[in-house]
C-alpha atoms as a PDB file:
ATOM      1  CA  MET A   1     180.327  32.078 133.989  1.00  0.00           C
ATOM      2  CA  ALA A   2     177.191  32.047 135.681  1.00  0.00           C
ATOM      3  CA  VAL A   3     173.827  32.301 133.567  1.00  0.00           C
ATOM      4  CA  LYS A   4     170.959  34.617 135.270  1.00  0.00           C
ATOM      5  CA  LEU A   5     167.821  32.897 134.214  1.00  0.00           C
ATOM      6  CA  ASN A   6     164.088  34.774 134.524  1.00  0.00           C
ATOM      7  CA  LEU A   7     161.234  32.457 134.424  1.00  0.00           C
ATOM      8  CA  LEU A   8     159.586  35.569 135.921  1.00  0.00           C
ATOM      9  CA  PRO A   9     158.217  37.822 132.266  1.00  0.00           C
ATOM     10  CA  GLN A  10     159.525  40.906 131.846  1.00  0.00           C
ATOM     11  CA  GLY A  11     156.563  42.947 133.335  1.00  0.00           C
ATOM     12  CA  ALA A  12     156.206  41.284 136.369  1.00  0.00           C
ATOM     13  CA  ALA A  13     160.264  41.539 137.038  1.00  0.00           C
ATOM     14  CA  VAL A  14     160.375  44.039 139.815  1.00  0.00           C
ATOM     15  CA  SER A  15     162.189  46.986 139.540  1.00  0.00           C
ATOM     16  CA  GLY A  16     165.430  48.229 141.121  1.00  0.00           C
ATOM     17  CA  SER A  17     164.233  50.231 144.144  1.00  0.00           C
ATOM     18  CA  LEU A  18     161.441  48.379 145.048  1.00  0.00           C
ATOM     19  CA  GLY A  19     164.039  45.306 145.362  1.00  0.00           C
ATOM     20  CA  LYS A  20     166.222  46.753 147.352  1.00  0.00           C
ATOM     21  CA  THR A  21     163.288  47.777 149.831  1.00  0.00           C
ATOM     22  CA  LEU A  22     161.174  44.264 149.154  1.00  0.00           C
ATOM     23  CA  LYS A  23     165.139  42.902 150.716  1.00  0.00           C
ATOM     24  CA  SER A  24     165.483  45.501 153.692  1.00  0.00           C
ATOM     25  CA  ILE A  25     161.784  44.136 154.924  1.00  0.00           C
ATOM     26  CA  LYS A  26     162.620  40.459 154.474  1.00  0.00           C
ATOM     27  CA  SER A  27     165.941  40.903 156.434  1.00  0.00           C
ATOM     28  CA  PHE A  28     163.867  43.318 159.038  1.00  0.00           C
ATOM     29  CA  GLY A  29     161.278  40.040 159.276  1.00  0.00           C
ATOM     30  CA  ILE A  30     163.712  37.664 159.964  1.00  0.00           C
ATOM     31  CA  ILE A  31     165.395  39.748 162.624  1.00  0.00           C
ATOM     32  CA  ALA A  32     162.132  40.603 163.803  1.00  0.00           C
ATOM     33  CA  LEU A  33     161.501  36.843 163.943  1.00  0.00           C
ATOM     34  CA  GLY A  34     164.313  35.954 165.645  1.00  0.00           C
ATOM     35  CA  MET A  35     163.548  39.261 168.580  1.00  0.00           C
ATOM     36  CA  PHE A  36     160.091  37.160 168.623  1.00  0.00           C
ATOM     37  CA  LEU A  37     161.922  33.755 168.971  1.00  0.00           C
ATOM     38  CA  PHE A  38     163.798  34.944 171.998  1.00  0.00           C
ATOM     39  CA  PHE A  39     161.078  36.733 173.687  1.00  0.00           C
ATOM     40  CA  ILE A  40     159.477  33.376 173.753  1.00  0.00           C
ATOM     41  CA  LEU A  41     162.421  31.986 175.176  1.00  0.00           C
ATOM     42  CA  GLY A  42     162.262  34.273 177.652  1.00  0.00           C
ATOM     43  CA  VAL A  43     158.837  34.151 178.673  1.00  0.00           C
ATOM     44  CA  SER A  44     159.219  30.666 178.709  1.00  0.00           C
ATOM     45  CA  GLY A  45     162.199  30.867 180.985  1.00  0.00           C
ATOM     46  CA  PHE A  46     160.020  33.265 183.301  1.00  0.00           C
ATOM     47  CA  LEU A  47     157.057  31.141 183.476  1.00  0.00           C
ATOM     48  CA  VAL A  48     159.231  28.059 184.427  1.00  0.00           C
ATOM     49  CA  TYR A  49     161.156  29.689 187.224  1.00  0.00           C
ATOM     50  CA  SER A  50     157.943  31.450 188.873  1.00  0.00           C
ATOM     51  CA  SER A  51     156.321  28.109 188.997  1.00  0.00           C
ATOM     52  CA  ILE A  52     159.513  26.830 190.402  1.00  0.00           C
ATOM     53  CA  SER A  53     159.547  29.503 192.521  1.00  0.00           C
ATOM     54  CA  LEU A  54     155.948  29.172 193.410  1.00  0.00           C
ATOM     55  CA  LYS A  55     155.806  24.990 194.011  1.00  0.00           C
ATOM     56  CA  GLY A  56     159.043  26.304 196.930  1.00  0.00           C
ATOM     57  CA  LEU A  57     156.987  28.823 198.305  1.00  0.00           C
ATOM     58  CA  THR A  58     153.969  26.721 198.511  1.00  0.00           C
ATOM     59  CA  ILE A  59     156.409  23.898 200.604  1.00  0.00           C
ATOM     60  CA  GLN A  60     157.719  26.677 202.922  1.00  0.00           C
ATOM     61  CA  GLU A  61     153.902  28.175 203.096  1.00  0.00           C
ATOM     62  CA  GLU A  62     152.621  24.542 204.339  1.00  0.00           C
ATOM     63  CA  SER A  63     155.842  23.937 206.413  1.00  0.00           C
ATOM     64  CA  LEU A  64     155.070  27.478 208.339  1.00  0.00           C
ATOM     65  CA  LYS A  65     151.615  26.266 208.517  1.00  0.00           C
ATOM     66  CA  ALA A  66     152.449  23.246 210.279  1.00  0.00           C
ATOM     67  CA  ARG A  67     155.012  25.312 212.669  1.00  0.00           C
ATOM     68  CA  ILE A  68     152.326  27.757 213.689  1.00  0.00           C
ATOM     69  CA  LYS A  69     149.762  25.016 214.081  1.00  0.00           C
ATOM     70  CA  SER A  70     152.405  23.367 216.484  1.00  0.00           C
ATOM     71  CA  GLN A  71     152.988  26.641 218.527  1.00  0.00           C
ATOM     72  CA  GLU A  72     149.632  27.129 218.765  1.00  0.00           C
ATOM     73  CA  THR A  73     148.938  24.021 220.815  1.00  0.00           C
ATOM     74  CA  THR A  74     152.264  24.595 222.798  1.00  0.00           C
ATOM     75  CA  GLU A  75     150.448  27.905 223.633  1.00  0.00           C
ATOM     76  CA  GLN A  76     147.045  26.556 224.779  1.00  0.00           C
ATOM     77  CA  LYS A  77     149.037  24.080 226.977  1.00  0.00           C
ATOM     78  CA  ILE A  78     151.169  26.704 228.334  1.00  0.00           C
ATOM     79  CA  VAL A  79     147.939  29.245 228.993  1.00  0.00           C
ATOM     80  CA  LEU A  80     145.906  26.062 230.865  1.00  0.00           C
ATOM     81  CA  LEU A  81     148.958  25.317 232.590  1.00  0.00           C
ATOM     82  CA  LYS A  82     149.614  28.847 233.834  1.00  0.00           C
ATOM     83  CA  ASP A  83     145.564  28.254 234.801  1.00  0.00           C
ATOM     84  CA  ARG A  84     146.387  25.424 236.332  1.00  0.00           C
ATOM     85  CA  LEU A  85     149.622  26.985 238.084  1.00  0.00           C
ATOM     86  CA  THR A  86     147.239  30.246 239.209  1.00  0.00           C
ATOM     87  CA  LYS A  87     144.190  27.387 240.971  1.00  0.00           C
ATOM     88  CA  ILE A  88     147.218  25.409 242.892  1.00  0.00           C
ATOM     89  CA  SER A  89     148.570  29.011 244.554  1.00  0.00           C
ATOM     90  CA  LYS A  90     145.089  29.831 245.262  1.00  0.00           C
ATOM     91  CA  VAL A  91     144.681  26.692 246.864  1.00  0.00           C
ATOM     92  CA  GLN A  92     147.626  27.044 248.493  1.00  0.00           C
ATOM     93  CA  SER A  93     147.129  30.181 250.182  1.00  0.00           C
ATOM     94  CA  THR A  94     143.665  29.017 251.067  1.00  0.00           C
ATOM     95  CA  PRO A  95     144.122  29.235 255.331  1.00  0.00           C
ATOM     96  CA  SER A  96     144.072  25.346 256.145  1.00  0.00           C
ATOM     97  CA  VAL A  97     141.942  23.551 259.232  1.00  0.00           C
ATOM     98  CA  GLN A  98     144.617  20.821 259.505  1.00  0.00           C
ATOM     99  CA  LYS A  99     145.856  23.232 262.410  1.00  0.00           C
ATOM    100  CA  SER A 100     141.972  22.937 264.079  1.00  0.00           C
ATOM    101  CA  LEU A 101     141.372  19.298 263.117  1.00  0.00           C
ATOM    102  CA  ASP A 102     144.651  18.626 264.884  1.00  0.00           C
ATOM    103  CA  LYS A 103     143.699  19.846 268.140  1.00  0.00           C
ATOM    104  CA  ALA A 104     140.193  18.509 267.718  1.00  0.00           C
ATOM    105  CA  GLY A 105     141.531  15.105 267.111  1.00  0.00           C
ATOM    106  CA  GLY A 106     143.500  15.745 270.650  1.00  0.00           C
ATOM    107  CA  VAL A 107     140.187  16.129 272.461  1.00  0.00           C
ATOM    108  CA  VAL A 108     138.358  13.826 270.862  1.00  0.00           C
ATOM    109  CA  ALA A 109     141.024  11.033 272.147  1.00  0.00           C
ATOM    110  CA  SER A 110     140.834  12.117 275.357  1.00  0.00           C
ATOM    111  CA  LEU A 111     137.185  11.453 275.618  1.00  0.00           C
ATOM    112  CA  PRO A 112     136.458   8.762 278.246  1.00  0.00           C
ATOM    113  CA  ALA A 113     135.189   5.396 277.636  1.00  0.00           C
ATOM    114  CA  GLY A 114     131.284   6.537 278.051  1.00  0.00           C
ATOM    115  CA  ALA A 115     131.330   9.504 275.795  1.00  0.00           C
ATOM    116  CA  VAL A 116     129.861  10.423 272.440  1.00  0.00           C
ATOM    117  CA  LEU A 117     131.213  12.584 269.873  1.00  0.00           C
ATOM    118  CA  THR A 118     127.869  13.276 267.694  1.00  0.00           C
ATOM    119  CA  GLU A 119     129.186  16.912 266.034  1.00  0.00           C
ATOM    120  CA  LEU A 120     132.148  18.224 265.100  1.00  0.00           C
ATOM    121  CA  GLY A 121     132.061  21.580 263.301  1.00  0.00           C
ATOM    122  CA  LEU A 122     135.543  22.811 262.102  1.00  0.00           C
ATOM    123  CA  ASP A 123     136.216  26.246 260.882  1.00  0.00           C
ATOM    124  CA  LEU A 124     139.566  28.356 260.885  1.00  0.00           C
ATOM    125  CA  LYS A 125     139.029  29.911 264.112  1.00  0.00           C
ATOM    126  CA  LYS A 126     136.876  27.960 266.149  1.00  0.00           C
ATOM    127  CA  THR A 127     136.022  24.087 265.988  1.00  0.00           C
ATOM    128  CA  ASP A 128     132.115  23.038 267.445  1.00  0.00           C
ATOM    129  CA  MET A 129     131.565  19.728 269.418  1.00  0.00           C
ATOM    130  CA  SER A 130     128.317  17.928 270.320  1.00  0.00           C
ATOM    131  CA  LEU A 131     129.293  15.355 272.797  1.00  0.00           C
ATOM    132  CA  ILE A 132     127.251  12.883 274.782  1.00  0.00           C
ATOM    133  CA  PHE A 133     128.296  11.845 278.787  1.00  0.00           C
ATOM    134  CA  ARG A 134     126.461   9.049 280.253  1.00  0.00           C
ATOM    135  CA  SER A 135     127.652  10.060 284.102  1.00  0.00           C
ATOM    136  CA  SER A 136     128.287  13.259 285.363  1.00  0.00           C
ATOM    137  CA  LEU A 137     132.576  11.816 286.316  1.00  0.00           C
ATOM    138  CA  ASP A 138     132.729  11.130 282.574  1.00  0.00           C
ATOM    139  CA  LEU A 139     132.034  14.764 281.924  1.00  0.00           C
ATOM    140  CA  ASN A 140     134.015  16.305 284.841  1.00  0.00           C
ATOM    141  CA  SER A 141     136.876  14.295 283.900  1.00  0.00           C
ATOM    142  CA  PHE A 142     136.615  15.534 280.404  1.00  0.00           C
ATOM    143  CA  LEU A 143     135.817  19.320 281.127  1.00  0.00           C
ATOM    144  CA  GLY A 144     139.309  19.103 283.459  1.00  0.00           C
ATOM    145  CA  PHE A 145     140.931  18.181 280.508  1.00  0.00           C
ATOM    146  CA  VAL A 146     139.788  20.576 278.227  1.00  0.00           C
ATOM    147  CA  LYS A 147     140.561  23.665 281.234  1.00  0.00           C
ATOM    148  CA  THR A 148     144.243  22.013 281.868  1.00  0.00           C
ATOM    149  CA  SER A 149     144.862  21.558 278.079  1.00  0.00           C
ATOM    150  CA  GLY A 150     145.823  24.750 276.799  1.00  0.00           C
ATOM    151  CA  GLU A 151     145.545  23.900 273.441  1.00  0.00           C
ATOM    152  CA  PHE A 152     142.583  26.970 272.966  1.00  0.00           C
ATOM    153  CA  LYS A 153     142.528  30.654 273.275  1.00  0.00           C
ATOM    154  CA  ARG A 154     138.765  29.946 275.003  1.00  0.00           C
ATOM    155  CA  VAL A 155     136.489  27.577 275.273  1.00  0.00           C
ATOM    156  CA  SER A 156     132.494  28.380 274.835  1.00  0.00           C
ATOM    157  CA  LEU A 157     129.432  26.349 276.324  1.00  0.00           C
ATOM    158  CA  THR A 158     127.018  26.814 273.937  1.00  0.00           C
ATOM    159  CA  ALA A 159     124.021  23.649 275.066  1.00  0.00           C
ATOM    160  CA  PHE A 160     123.690  21.912 278.182  1.00  0.00           C
ATOM    161  CA  ASN A 161     120.903  19.388 278.270  1.00  0.00           C
ATOM    162  CA  PHE A 162     120.386  16.384 280.517  1.00  0.00           C
ATOM    163  CA  ASN A 163     118.174  13.124 279.125  1.00  0.00           C
ATOM    164  CA  PRO A 164     117.944  10.778 282.106  1.00  0.00           C
ATOM    165  CA  LEU A 165     118.079   8.076 279.129  1.00  0.00           C
ATOM    166  CA  SER A 166     120.943   9.028 277.451  1.00  0.00           C
ATOM    167  CA  GLY A 167     122.907  11.236 279.816  1.00  0.00           C
ATOM    168  CA  TYR A 168     124.494  14.770 279.714  1.00  0.00           C
ATOM    169  CA  SER A 169     124.836  16.568 276.010  1.00  0.00           C
ATOM    170  CA  ILE A 170     126.834  19.565 275.774  1.00  0.00           C
ATOM    171  CA  GLY A 171     128.081  21.430 272.988  1.00  0.00           C
ATOM    172  CA  LEU A 172     131.405  23.256 272.966  1.00  0.00           C
ATOM    173  CA  ARG A 173     133.316  25.866 270.784  1.00  0.00           C
ATOM    174  CA  PHE A 174     136.639  25.993 271.073  1.00  0.00           C
ATOM    175  CA  PHE A 175     138.751  29.226 269.952  1.00  0.00           C
ATOM    176  CA  ASP A 176     141.725  28.464 268.437  1.00  0.00           C
ATOM    177  CA  ASN A 177     145.398  30.405 269.592  1.00  0.00           C
END
């Protein structure tokens, strides 16, 4: 048989309805404490998950930044390459004076031994030469070559001088075909 001992004085004893209320409040407190602990565990789990996700996103962001930086460098190289290609095509499309230079080379190669080339000016459509001949025979043979060569569309005599010390000084302008 169970002995019921009440160590509280009779005046301090809790009445039946108040005891039931205190018992239900105690049960509710335990349930509330359990729910609070469950909520704290949920919030802690969420914080841990968020922290891990944040670290992953930070790593992904750094990776994307590195890719963007490498693509910027590549893009800069492409822009420079396009610029160089534009300049190269511009230079290649510019008419060359090589044809005039080759023709002038043929004329210079035909100069007699007593002749001296003092000036040579090349243009796309014309070539200017200044020459000095020691004798009229050298001048005559050179002009005969120019007349028979047919390399130029037209030849214009721009200057003709005679100096007894140096000889004949002439200026010719050759117009390309």
